[in-house]
Protein backbone atom coordinates (compact mmCIF):
# COMPACT_ATOMS: atom_id res chain seq x y z
CA MET A 1 -48.34 -262.25 -149.88
CA ARG A 2 -47.41 -265.63 -151.35
CA GLN A 3 -44.53 -266.06 -148.89
CA THR A 4 -46.80 -265.12 -146.01
CA LYS A 5 -49.24 -267.85 -146.98
CA LYS A 6 -46.38 -270.34 -147.18
CA ALA A 7 -45.19 -269.39 -143.72
CA THR A 8 -48.63 -269.57 -142.15
CA ALA A 9 -49.17 -272.97 -143.74
CA LEU A 10 -46.24 -274.16 -141.65
CA LEU A 11 -47.68 -272.91 -138.37
CA LEU A 12 -47.96 -275.99 -136.21
CA ILE A 13 -48.04 -276.67 -132.50
CA CYS A 14 -48.38 -279.93 -130.68
CA VAL A 15 -50.90 -280.18 -127.88
CA MET A 16 -49.52 -278.69 -124.67
CA ALA A 17 -48.95 -282.17 -123.32
CA LEU A 18 -48.09 -283.50 -119.91
CA ALA A 19 -45.00 -285.53 -119.24
CA VAL A 20 -46.49 -287.58 -116.44
CA PHE A 21 -45.26 -289.75 -113.62
CA THR A 22 -46.99 -292.86 -112.33
CA GLY A 23 -48.14 -293.52 -108.78
CA CYS A 24 -48.81 -296.60 -106.78
CA GLY A 25 -50.33 -297.66 -103.48
CA SER A 26 -53.85 -298.13 -102.17
CA SER A 27 -54.13 -294.77 -100.41
CA LEU A 28 -53.87 -292.56 -103.47
CA ASP A 29 -55.14 -289.00 -103.04
CA ALA A 30 -56.32 -288.65 -106.64
CA SER A 31 -56.96 -284.92 -106.42
CA LYS A 32 -53.44 -284.20 -105.17
CA TYR A 33 -52.05 -286.65 -107.71
CA VAL A 34 -53.64 -284.75 -110.60
CA GLN A 35 -52.62 -281.41 -109.08
CA ALA A 36 -49.04 -282.65 -108.86
CA GLN A 37 -49.04 -283.70 -112.51
CA LEU A 38 -50.43 -280.37 -113.72
CA ASP A 39 -48.29 -278.20 -111.48
CA ASN A 40 -45.07 -279.90 -112.53
CA SER A 41 -45.84 -279.89 -116.25
CA TYR A 42 -47.29 -276.38 -116.48
CA LYS A 43 -45.96 -274.41 -113.52
CA ASN A 44 -42.59 -276.14 -113.07
CA ASP A 45 -43.67 -276.70 -109.46
CA SER A 46 -42.72 -280.13 -108.12
CA THR A 47 -43.86 -279.51 -104.53
CA LEU A 48 -46.77 -281.95 -104.52
CA ALA A 49 -44.96 -284.47 -106.71
CA LEU A 50 -42.13 -284.66 -104.21
CA GLU A 51 -44.54 -284.71 -101.27
CA GLN A 52 -46.27 -287.75 -102.75
CA LYS A 53 -42.94 -289.34 -103.66
CA LEU A 54 -43.90 -289.60 -107.31
CA CYS A 55 -40.39 -288.69 -108.39
CA THR A 56 -37.15 -287.09 -107.35
CA ALA A 57 -36.46 -283.39 -107.83
CA GLU A 58 -34.18 -284.27 -110.74
CA GLU A 59 -36.85 -286.41 -112.39
CA ALA A 60 -39.46 -283.69 -111.97
CA SER A 61 -37.17 -281.14 -113.58
CA ALA A 62 -36.37 -283.49 -116.45
CA LEU A 63 -40.08 -284.11 -117.09
CA TYR A 64 -40.78 -280.38 -117.20
CA GLU A 65 -37.92 -279.82 -119.63
CA GLU A 66 -39.36 -282.63 -121.75
CA VAL A 67 -42.66 -280.76 -121.97
CA LEU A 68 -40.90 -277.64 -123.24
CA ASP A 69 -38.93 -279.70 -125.75
CA GLN A 70 -42.19 -281.14 -127.07
CA GLN A 71 -43.69 -277.71 -127.60
CA VAL A 72 -40.70 -276.32 -129.50
CA ASP A 73 -40.24 -279.44 -131.61
CA GLY A 74 -43.95 -279.55 -132.42
CA PHE A 75 -44.19 -275.88 -133.29
CA PHE A 76 -41.29 -275.98 -135.74
CA ILE A 77 -42.07 -279.18 -137.62
CA GLY A 78 -41.11 -278.50 -141.24
CA VAL A 79 -39.77 -275.03 -140.41
CA ASN A 80 -36.14 -273.97 -140.72
CA VAL A 81 -35.27 -271.34 -138.10
CA SER A 82 -32.18 -270.61 -136.00
CA ASP A 83 -31.40 -272.21 -132.67
CA ASP A 84 -31.52 -268.75 -131.09
CA LEU A 85 -35.10 -268.27 -132.24
CA LYS A 86 -36.06 -271.73 -130.99
CA ALA A 87 -34.56 -270.83 -127.61
CA ARG A 88 -36.67 -267.68 -127.58
CA TYR A 89 -39.82 -269.71 -128.22
CA ARG A 90 -38.85 -272.09 -125.46
CA SER A 91 -38.91 -269.16 -123.06
CA ILE A 92 -42.24 -267.98 -124.46
CA PHE A 93 -43.81 -271.40 -124.04
CA ALA A 94 -42.51 -271.60 -120.47
CA ASP A 95 -44.26 -268.29 -119.74
CA MET A 96 -47.45 -269.54 -121.36
CA LEU A 97 -47.46 -272.82 -119.47
CA ALA A 98 -46.89 -271.00 -116.19
CA LYS A 99 -49.99 -268.88 -116.84
CA ALA A 100 -52.29 -271.82 -117.63
CA ASP A 101 -55.55 -271.36 -115.72
CA TYR A 102 -56.86 -274.52 -114.05
CA THR A 103 -58.31 -275.48 -110.68
CA VAL A 104 -58.30 -279.07 -109.50
CA GLY A 105 -61.39 -280.11 -107.57
CA GLU A 106 -62.54 -283.14 -105.62
CA ALA A 107 -62.06 -286.76 -106.58
CA THR A 108 -64.58 -289.59 -106.60
CA LYS A 109 -63.67 -293.27 -106.60
CA GLY A 110 -65.33 -295.63 -109.06
CA SER A 111 -66.30 -299.25 -108.60
CA ASP A 112 -63.28 -300.37 -110.65
CA ASN A 113 -60.90 -298.61 -108.24
CA THR A 114 -60.24 -295.79 -110.71
CA HIS A 115 -60.79 -292.17 -109.71
CA SER A 116 -62.44 -289.20 -111.40
CA VAL A 117 -61.17 -285.71 -110.60
CA SER A 118 -63.06 -282.56 -111.54
CA ILE A 119 -61.09 -279.73 -113.15
CA GLU A 120 -62.21 -276.20 -113.93
CA TYR A 121 -60.17 -274.42 -116.58
CA LYS A 122 -60.14 -271.34 -118.81
CA LYS A 123 -58.74 -271.07 -122.33
CA MET A 124 -55.87 -268.64 -122.78
CA LYS A 125 -56.47 -266.25 -125.69
CA ILE A 126 -52.97 -265.72 -127.04
CA PHE A 127 -52.50 -267.24 -130.48
CA GLU A 128 -55.45 -265.55 -132.19
CA PRO A 129 -54.37 -261.96 -131.43
CA ALA A 130 -50.69 -262.78 -131.94
CA ILE A 131 -51.33 -264.38 -135.32
CA THR A 132 -53.52 -261.48 -136.44
CA THR A 133 -50.77 -259.00 -135.62
CA THR A 134 -48.07 -261.13 -137.21
CA LEU A 135 -49.93 -261.57 -140.49
CA GLU A 136 -50.46 -257.83 -140.76
CA GLN A 137 -46.79 -257.09 -140.17
CA ALA A 138 -45.54 -259.92 -142.38
CA GLU A 139 -46.92 -258.27 -145.50
CA ASN A 140 -44.04 -255.80 -145.29
CA LEU A 141 -41.30 -258.39 -144.93
CA GLU A 142 -38.66 -258.58 -147.62
CA ALA A 143 -36.41 -261.63 -147.84
CA THR A 144 -34.21 -263.14 -150.50
CA ASP A 145 -35.30 -266.72 -149.84
CA MET A 146 -37.86 -268.76 -147.92
CA ASP A 147 -35.47 -269.67 -145.11
CA GLN A 148 -34.84 -266.01 -144.34
CA PHE A 149 -38.54 -265.25 -144.63
CA GLN A 150 -39.37 -268.00 -142.13
CA GLU A 151 -36.79 -266.66 -139.69
CA ASP A 152 -38.19 -263.14 -139.99
CA PHE A 153 -41.81 -264.29 -139.90
CA PHE A 154 -41.41 -266.36 -136.74
CA ALA A 155 -39.39 -263.59 -135.12
CA LEU A 156 -42.40 -261.34 -135.68
CA MET A 157 -44.60 -264.05 -134.20
CA ALA A 158 -42.35 -264.20 -131.15
CA ASP A 159 -42.64 -260.42 -130.79
CA SER A 160 -46.43 -260.72 -130.91
CA LEU A 161 -46.61 -263.56 -128.41
CA GLU A 162 -44.31 -261.74 -126.00
CA ALA A 163 -46.41 -258.59 -126.35
CA GLU A 164 -49.60 -260.49 -125.51
CA ILE A 165 -48.00 -261.95 -122.39
CA ALA A 166 -46.59 -258.58 -121.33
CA LYS A 167 -49.86 -256.67 -121.60
CA GLY A 168 -51.85 -259.25 -119.65
CA LEU A 169 -53.54 -262.31 -121.06
CA GLU A 170 -57.26 -262.73 -121.56
CA TYR A 171 -59.08 -266.00 -120.88
CA GLY A 172 -62.36 -267.53 -121.98
CA ASP A 173 -65.23 -268.57 -119.75
CA ALA A 174 -64.67 -271.28 -117.17
CA GLN A 175 -65.21 -274.83 -118.40
CA THR A 176 -65.28 -278.08 -116.45
CA MET A 177 -64.10 -281.57 -117.24
CA THR A 178 -63.26 -284.83 -115.51
CA MET A 179 -59.76 -286.25 -115.41
CA ARG A 180 -59.72 -290.00 -114.93
CA VAL A 181 -56.95 -291.62 -112.91
CA GLU A 182 -56.70 -295.25 -114.00
CA ILE A 183 -54.81 -298.35 -112.93
CA GLN A 184 -52.44 -299.82 -115.50
CA ASN A 185 -49.95 -302.55 -114.57
CA LYS A 186 -50.68 -301.95 -110.87
CA THR A 187 -49.81 -298.23 -111.11
CA TYR A 188 -51.97 -295.13 -111.40
CA VAL A 189 -51.82 -293.07 -114.60
CA LEU A 190 -53.85 -290.25 -116.12
CA ASN A 191 -56.26 -291.12 -118.90
CA THR A 192 -54.60 -290.06 -122.17
CA ASP A 193 -57.79 -288.74 -123.79
CA ASP A 194 -58.53 -286.60 -120.75
CA VAL A 195 -54.99 -285.23 -120.74
CA ASN A 196 -55.39 -284.21 -124.38
CA THR A 197 -58.79 -282.67 -123.72
CA LEU A 198 -57.40 -280.46 -120.98
CA SER A 199 -54.23 -279.61 -122.89
CA SER A 200 -56.16 -278.45 -125.96
CA GLY A 201 -58.65 -276.60 -123.77
CA LEU A 202 -56.07 -274.44 -122.02
CA PHE A 203 -54.74 -272.62 -125.11
CA ASP A 204 -56.44 -271.26 -128.25
CA THR A 205 -54.38 -273.39 -130.62
CA GLU A 206 -57.40 -273.66 -132.94
CA ALA A 207 -56.41 -270.16 -134.12
CA ILE A 208 -53.33 -271.74 -135.69
CA ASP A 209 -55.40 -274.26 -137.62
CA ALA A 210 -57.56 -271.44 -138.97
CA VAL A 211 -54.69 -269.92 -140.97
CA ASN A 212 -53.50 -273.17 -142.54
């Protein structure tokens, strides 16, 4: 029981962040711009980003890989697990990101030449059931040291996350928010606070905080 509490105290995940590109020009289609950012970061789909010439295919791929790196690095802060297990989580996070539920709506232009884009989204319910299952199973783990316990514990967590994805994910009720597209140094960028609001709203990461 004591080791289980130690392991759960280490459960961390960074916000499912966007690695964004900037845009320029006076004829910005803000709705498509936001859609391009989300699709590349979550779905690994660079179609709109390339159409709007926001980046090259290589840059889009690199930005997506950066997002995955952020998730793995954030999740395992202070945790000692094998590279193989980290690679497994990278695949899990890619599956999760691909199943993020959001719909980009219309854009309105403000008096300061910034744009506001409506987004409807639903929170993925994955961590709460996965953590519940993992904690139940972890009570039976036997390990000679904490490093081995962490490896076994997070392997169980990976099993649980994969099982949730395989059986079909559940989502919360639809929510709406506004994503602001701002001008900084003569280029368009997404408002950082709005990016964080959406990122934290797409996944039930609060379930992780509840066990710390």
